[in-house]
Protein backbone atom coordinates (compact mmCIF):
# COMPACT_ATOMS: atom_id res chain seq x y z
CA UNK A 1 -3.03 15.15 -12.44
CA UNK A 2 -1.90 13.79 -16.34
CA UNK A 3 -1.82 10.30 -15.83
CA UNK A 4 -5.72 10.13 -15.18
CA UNK A 5 -6.50 11.00 -18.52
CA UNK A 6 -3.36 8.87 -20.11
CA UNK A 7 -5.57 6.72 -22.09
CA UNK A 8 -8.35 9.36 -23.58
CA UNK A 9 -5.99 11.17 -24.95
CA UNK A 10 -4.02 8.44 -25.88
CA UNK A 11 -6.76 7.65 -27.82
CA UNK A 12 -7.28 11.07 -29.93
CA UNK A 13 -3.84 11.25 -30.51
CA UNK A 14 -3.49 7.94 -32.12
CA UNK A 15 -7.18 8.34 -34.18
CA UNK A 16 -4.94 12.08 -34.79
CA UNK A 17 -2.11 9.44 -36.57
CA UNK A 18 0.48 11.73 -34.39
CA UNK A 19 4.24 10.87 -34.35
CA UNK A 20 5.42 14.86 -33.43
CA UNK A 21 7.95 15.21 -31.01
CA UNK A 22 8.54 18.24 -29.49
CA UNK A 23 11.93 17.86 -29.28
CA UNK A 24 12.17 17.49 -33.39
CA UNK A 25 12.58 20.34 -35.40
CA UNK A 26 9.10 22.30 -36.66
CA UNK A 27 8.05 20.64 -39.59
CA UNK A 28 9.93 17.36 -38.77
CA UNK A 29 7.89 13.71 -38.46
CA UNK A 30 9.24 11.06 -36.47
CA UNK A 31 9.30 7.82 -38.45
CA UNK A 32 6.43 5.50 -37.06
CA UNK A 33 8.95 2.51 -35.05
CA UNK A 34 7.98 -0.95 -34.93
CA UNK A 35 7.10 -2.26 -31.49
CA UNK A 36 9.54 -5.01 -31.60
CA UNK A 37 12.04 -2.73 -31.87
CA UNK A 38 11.23 -0.52 -29.00
CA UNK A 39 10.07 -3.13 -27.10
CA UNK A 40 13.92 -4.59 -27.21
CA UNK A 41 15.57 -1.40 -26.57
CA UNK A 42 13.24 -0.29 -23.96
CA UNK A 43 13.43 -3.50 -21.78
CA UNK A 44 17.62 -3.05 -22.18
CA UNK A 45 17.65 0.42 -20.83
CA UNK A 46 15.00 -0.67 -17.56
CA UNK A 47 17.64 -3.66 -17.13
CA UNK A 48 20.77 -1.29 -16.52
CA UNK A 49 18.82 0.91 -15.00
CA UNK A 50 18.16 -1.86 -12.29
CA UNK A 51 21.65 -3.39 -12.49
CA UNK A 52 22.87 -0.29 -11.85
CA UNK A 53 21.00 1.59 -9.61
CA UNK A 54 19.91 0.97 -5.83
CA UNK A 55 17.16 2.73 -3.39
CA UNK A 56 17.37 3.42 0.02
CA UNK A 57 16.90 -0.41 1.29
CA UNK A 58 18.51 0.68 4.62
CA UNK A 59 16.65 3.21 5.44
CA UNK A 60 13.36 1.53 5.27
CA UNK A 61 14.52 -1.80 7.03
CA UNK A 62 15.78 0.09 9.70
CA UNK A 63 14.04 3.53 9.36
CA UNK A 64 16.25 7.27 11.08
CA UNK A 65 14.13 9.41 13.39
CA UNK A 66 12.26 11.73 11.09
CA UNK A 67 12.31 9.44 7.82
CA UNK A 68 9.60 10.04 5.63
CA UNK A 69 8.99 6.97 3.72
CA UNK A 70 10.77 7.58 0.44
CA UNK A 71 12.38 5.50 -2.14
CA UNK A 72 15.41 7.37 -3.64
CA UNK A 73 17.46 6.26 -6.51
CA UNK A 74 21.22 6.27 -6.90
CA UNK A 75 24.33 5.25 -9.20
CA UNK A 76 25.96 2.04 -7.64
CA UNK A 77 29.78 4.11 -7.43
CA UNK A 78 32.61 4.66 -5.23
CA UNK A 79 30.78 4.72 -1.44
CA UNK A 80 28.24 2.98 -3.20
CA UNK A 81 29.89 0.88 -4.98
CA UNK A 82 28.61 -2.26 -2.94
CA UNK A 83 25.00 -1.68 -2.90
CA UNK A 84 22.61 -4.08 -3.88
CA UNK A 85 21.63 -3.85 -7.24
CA UNK A 86 17.33 -3.04 -7.67
CA UNK A 87 17.91 -5.46 -10.22
CA UNK A 88 19.18 -8.39 -7.45
CA UNK A 89 16.57 -6.57 -5.29
CA UNK A 90 14.35 -9.39 -3.44
CA UNK A 91 11.63 -6.79 -4.30
CA UNK A 92 11.60 -6.98 -7.48
CA UNK A 93 8.91 -8.55 -9.07
CA UNK A 94 8.05 -9.47 -13.03
CA UNK A 95 5.04 -9.64 -15.11
CA UNK A 96 4.77 -9.96 -18.92
CA UNK A 97 2.18 -8.56 -20.48
CA UNK A 98 0.95 -9.03 -24.12
CA UNK A 99 0.81 -6.18 -26.29
CA UNK A 100 -0.93 -6.03 -29.68
CA UNK A 101 0.32 -3.19 -31.90
CA UNK A 102 -3.07 -2.86 -32.94
CA UNK A 103 -3.65 -1.69 -29.88
CA UNK A 104 -1.45 1.39 -30.15
CA UNK A 105 -2.87 2.73 -33.04
CA UNK A 106 0.04 0.03 -35.25
CA UNK A 107 -3.03 -1.79 -37.70
CA UNK A 108 -0.28 -2.46 -40.69
CA UNK A 109 2.56 -3.55 -38.10
CA UNK A 110 0.98 -6.22 -37.30
CA UNK A 111 3.28 -7.49 -34.44
CA UNK A 112 1.41 -9.36 -30.90
CA UNK A 113 4.72 -8.62 -28.37
CA UNK A 114 5.38 -9.78 -24.29
CA UNK A 115 6.82 -6.43 -22.75
CA UNK A 116 7.77 -6.85 -19.07
CA UNK A 117 6.64 -4.61 -16.27
CA UNK A 118 8.63 -4.65 -13.13
CA UNK A 119 7.82 -3.67 -9.79
CA UNK A 120 9.93 -3.09 -6.65
CA UNK A 121 8.16 -3.46 -3.81
CA UNK A 122 9.78 -1.48 -1.04
CA UNK A 123 6.56 -1.96 1.87
CA UNK A 124 3.46 -3.78 1.42
CA UNK A 125 0.84 -2.50 2.74
CA UNK A 126 -0.45 -4.40 6.02
CA UNK A 127 -4.51 -4.43 4.83
CA UNK A 128 -4.79 -7.72 3.61
CA UNK A 129 -6.41 -7.98 -0.91
CA UNK A 130 -4.70 -6.55 -3.23
CA UNK A 131 -6.49 -3.92 -6.41
CA UNK A 132 -7.68 -5.57 -9.89
CA UNK A 133 -7.15 -3.49 -12.69
CA UNK A 134 -10.85 -2.63 -12.79
CA UNK A 135 -10.51 -0.74 -9.01
CA UNK A 136 -10.42 2.44 -8.41
CA UNK A 137 -7.40 3.46 -6.18
CA UNK A 138 -6.30 5.80 -3.79
CA UNK A 139 -2.80 6.61 -3.91
CA UNK A 140 0.41 8.62 -4.44
CA UNK A 141 2.57 8.83 -6.99
CA UNK A 142 5.90 10.97 -9.18
CA UNK A 143 6.56 10.30 -12.61
CA UNK A 144 10.26 9.87 -13.92
CA UNK A 145 11.64 9.69 -17.12
CA UNK A 146 14.91 6.59 -17.09
CA UNK A 147 17.42 10.09 -15.57
CA UNK A 148 15.30 11.18 -13.14
CA UNK A 149 13.57 13.81 -15.17
CA UNK A 150 10.07 14.22 -13.09
CA UNK A 151 7.85 14.99 -15.85
CA UNK A 152 4.19 14.30 -13.39
CA UNK A 153 3.01 13.59 -9.74
CA UNK A 154 0.23 13.95 -8.11
CA UNK A 155 -0.48 16.78 -4.74
CA UNK A 156 0.65 15.34 -1.63
CA UNK A 157 -2.78 14.29 -0.99
CA UNK A 158 -4.54 11.19 -1.84
CA UNK A 159 -5.46 10.63 -5.32
CA UNK A 160 -8.61 8.88 -6.36
CA UNK A 161 -9.09 7.00 -9.82
CA UNK A 162 -9.82 3.44 -11.59
CA UNK A 163 -6.80 1.65 -12.57
CA UNK A 164 -8.54 1.01 -15.65
CA UNK A 165 -8.59 4.52 -16.98
CA UNK A 166 -4.29 5.29 -16.61
CA UNK A 167 -1.75 3.51 -18.64
CA UNK A 168 -1.50 0.05 -19.24
CA UNK A 169 1.75 -0.83 -16.97
CA UNK A 170 0.50 2.21 -14.36
CA UNK A 171 -2.48 -0.24 -13.24
CA UNK A 172 -0.88 -3.80 -13.61
CA UNK A 173 2.02 -2.71 -11.28
CA UNK A 174 -0.48 -1.56 -8.72
CA UNK A 175 -1.97 -5.24 -8.55
CA UNK A 176 1.54 -5.97 -6.34
CA UNK A 177 0.41 -4.33 -3.67
CA UNK A 178 -1.71 -4.23 -0.30
CA UNK A 179 -2.46 -0.88 1.09
CA UNK A 180 -2.62 0.51 4.56
CA UNK A 181 -5.36 1.88 7.42
CA UNK A 182 -7.30 5.54 6.55
CA UNK A 183 -8.16 7.90 5.94
CA UNK A 184 -7.36 9.59 9.76
CA UNK A 185 -8.34 12.80 10.12
CA UNK A 186 -5.02 15.52 10.09
CA UNK A 187 -7.46 18.72 11.80
CA UNK A 188 -5.93 20.91 9.24
CA UNK A 189 -8.22 19.28 5.98
CA UNK A 190 -6.05 16.80 4.94
CA UNK A 191 -6.10 12.97 6.34
CA UNK A 192 -3.21 10.89 6.31
CA UNK A 193 -2.89 6.99 6.04
CA UNK A 194 -0.69 4.48 8.29
CA UNK A 195 1.41 1.15 6.68
CA UNK A 196 0.73 1.64 3.23
CA UNK A 197 2.36 -0.54 -0.14
CA UNK A 198 5.31 1.84 -0.87
CA UNK A 199 7.27 0.45 -4.62
CA UNK A 200 8.06 1.95 -7.98
CA UNK A 201 7.08 0.27 -11.08
CA UNK A 202 9.16 0.04 -14.45
CA UNK A 203 7.64 0.29 -17.55
CA UNK A 204 8.65 0.27 -21.23
CA UNK A 205 6.96 2.18 -23.62
CA UNK A 206 4.69 -0.09 -24.98
CA UNK A 207 3.06 -0.30 -21.67
CA UNK A 208 3.28 3.71 -21.01
CA UNK A 209 2.31 6.31 -23.66
CA UNK A 210 4.40 4.55 -26.68
CA UNK A 211 4.57 7.36 -29.80
CA UNK A 212 1.13 9.27 -28.07
CA UNK A 213 2.25 10.91 -24.88
CA UNK A 214 -0.13 13.55 -23.85
CA UNK A 215 2.75 15.38 -21.89
CA UNK A 216 5.24 17.47 -23.60
CA UNK A 217 8.30 16.22 -21.34
CA UNK A 218 7.81 12.61 -21.40
CA UNK A 219 9.79 12.32 -24.86
CA UNK A 220 8.14 9.73 -27.78
CA UNK A 221 9.01 5.60 -27.11
CA UNK A 222 9.96 6.45 -23.31
CA UNK A 223 9.97 3.94 -20.63
CA UNK A 224 8.71 5.23 -17.48
CA UNK A 225 9.11 5.00 -13.69
CA UNK A 226 5.95 5.54 -10.82
CA UNK A 227 6.57 6.20 -7.30
CA UNK A 228 3.77 4.59 -5.97
CA UNK A 229 2.49 5.26 -2.28
CA UNK A 230 -1.16 2.34 -2.22
CA UNK A 231 -2.67 4.38 0.22
CA UNK A 232 -6.42 2.35 0.28
CA UNK A 233 -8.49 0.09 -3.41
CA UNK A 234 -12.08 0.16 -3.50
CA UNK A 235 -12.80 -3.86 -3.92
CA UNK A 236 -15.32 -4.84 -7.25
CA UNK A 237 -15.29 -0.66 -8.36
CA UNK A 238 -17.67 -0.12 -11.18
CA UNK A 239 -17.13 2.28 -13.51
CA UNK A 240 -19.41 2.45 -15.51
CA UNK A 241 -22.49 1.42 -12.92
CA UNK A 242 -24.07 -1.32 -15.09
CA UNK A 243 -23.79 -3.37 -11.84
CA UNK A 244 -20.87 -5.46 -13.10
CA UNK A 245 -17.58 -5.21 -11.17
CA UNK A 246 -15.14 -3.86 -13.86
CA UNK A 247 -12.74 -6.36 -13.23
CA UNK A 248 -15.44 -9.22 -15.09
CA UNK A 249 -15.66 -7.06 -17.27
CA UNK A 250 -12.20 -8.02 -18.84
CA UNK A 251 -13.16 -10.65 -21.23
CA UNK A 252 -9.79 -11.83 -22.62
CA UNK A 253 -8.49 -11.78 -19.16
CA UNK A 254 -5.26 -9.72 -20.60
CA UNK A 255 -5.04 -7.43 -17.47
CA UNK A 256 -6.37 -4.46 -20.23
CA UNK A 257 -9.74 -3.22 -20.23
CA UNK A 258 -9.84 -1.22 -22.66
CA UNK A 259 -9.51 -3.78 -25.31
CA UNK A 260 -12.90 -5.50 -24.51
CA UNK A 261 -15.56 -4.14 -26.50
CA UNK A 262 -18.56 -6.24 -27.33
CA UNK A 263 -20.67 -3.68 -29.59
CA UNK A 264 -17.79 -2.00 -31.53
CA UNK A 265 -18.94 -3.18 -34.81
CA UNK A 266 -22.26 -0.99 -33.74
CA UNK A 267 -20.29 2.09 -32.40
CA UNK A 268 -19.03 4.50 -34.81
CA UNK A 269 -15.10 5.06 -34.57
CA UNK A 270 -15.97 8.90 -32.19
CA UNK A 271 -17.86 6.89 -29.65
CA UNK A 272 -16.44 3.66 -28.63
CA UNK A 273 -17.28 2.35 -25.44
CA UNK A 274 -15.02 -0.70 -24.18
CA UNK A 275 -17.95 -2.73 -21.95
CA UNK A 276 -16.33 -1.31 -18.84
CA UNK A 277 -17.40 1.61 -19.57
CA UNK A 278 -20.38 0.79 -21.66
CA UNK A 279 -23.96 0.67 -19.96
CA UNK A 280 -25.26 -1.48 -22.73
CA UNK A 281 -22.64 -4.18 -23.63
CA UNK A 282 -23.90 -5.56 -26.25
CA UNK A 283 -25.65 -2.68 -27.85
CA UNK A 284 -29.50 -4.27 -28.08
CA UNK A 285 -31.25 -0.94 -26.65
CA UNK A 286 -31.79 -2.78 -23.26
CA UNK A 287 -29.22 -1.31 -20.32
CA UNK A 288 -26.65 -4.12 -18.80
CA UNK A 289 -27.66 -4.10 -15.64
CA UNK A 290 -31.13 -5.30 -16.50
CA UNK A 291 -29.27 -8.49 -18.54
CA UNK A 292 -27.62 -9.72 -15.19
CA UNK A 293 -28.95 -11.36 -12.20
CA UNK A 294 -28.74 -9.02 -8.81
CA UNK A 295 -29.82 -9.36 -5.11
CA UNK A 296 -32.13 -7.58 -2.85
CA UNK A 297 -29.55 -4.95 -2.53
CA UNK A 298 -28.57 -4.50 -6.44
CA UNK A 299 -25.12 -6.02 -5.85
CA UNK A 300 -23.95 -8.80 -9.27
CA UNK A 301 -25.13 -12.37 -8.59
CA UNK A 302 -24.25 -13.43 -11.82
CA UNK A 303 -25.03 -13.60 -15.42
CA UNK A 304 -28.10 -14.45 -17.50
CA UNK A 305 -28.17 -16.23 -20.25
CA UNK A 306 -32.27 -16.59 -21.58
CA UNK A 307 -31.68 -18.48 -24.58
CA UNK A 308 -29.27 -20.90 -23.09
CA UNK A 309 -26.95 -20.31 -26.54
CA UNK A 310 -23.72 -20.33 -24.18
CA UNK A 311 -23.44 -16.56 -24.27
CA UNK A 312 -24.67 -13.70 -21.42
CA UNK A 313 -27.79 -11.83 -22.19
CA UNK A 314 -25.46 -8.38 -21.92
CA UNK A 315 -23.61 -9.48 -24.77
CA UNK A 316 -26.32 -10.97 -26.90
CA UNK A 317 -27.47 -9.46 -28.73
CA UNK A 318 -29.73 -11.18 -30.94
CA UNK A 319 -31.76 -12.47 -28.56
């Protein structure tokens, strides 16, 4: 379950300035690489994988008896030389996500580089609606290197976590999946889902662990693959319980909730909280939930602007 705590672990590693690769000799430090350089290399590696590999599309189109609905990749060669590549699949979705090198702990690089995220939606879920980066998702996953090495996986049973607390590529990739029906009690203490979304997310290092992986099995600057089963999600999730759905705290709208922090100047470098994890977003001593409009049932209705200065009360500490 290393994926779940990736952002917290990465933040700590970035503060310590760690650049060591477990594969390197003891005492040897890997020199920092430019975001632009890593981006170009990773995208080329991902595209090469997508162009030279196929997945078991035939089994998904006409499921054989006993099919487990698992994605399997193989190389286009020999008897598989006529297979359609993943790159040419009509079910491959691309997204462009902008990454600032400062958010990766590289304040001296001053690079802002577009990243391409690739998501293969092998089967779309039967329930309408898709999760946002701020929602809790119930799913199953496997994490792989491009060479097929498995470095992380959930158990066979569903796991639940907020999509803003995992690596950015994973959370944004999950936004492409509708989910299924469930949970269905199996009678043995386990649950299952029906008609859920199935796919894989291919992400460059800048949308994953970059140079600070919490997993010793993931080399520095590695592009990654996550196979996913999208079981369910919880719409309008409120991670910090401040009354505002977390997705509405993505102030710059870039699909990354962790770089929106209104009161960062008031917080210690060791105790910084982005707005979606902070119950007092402006640091004025008044809880956010007391500075927004709620209905009689405590549900979010809208923002207040008491002094009419254009800044909502919960982001305005000079009322």
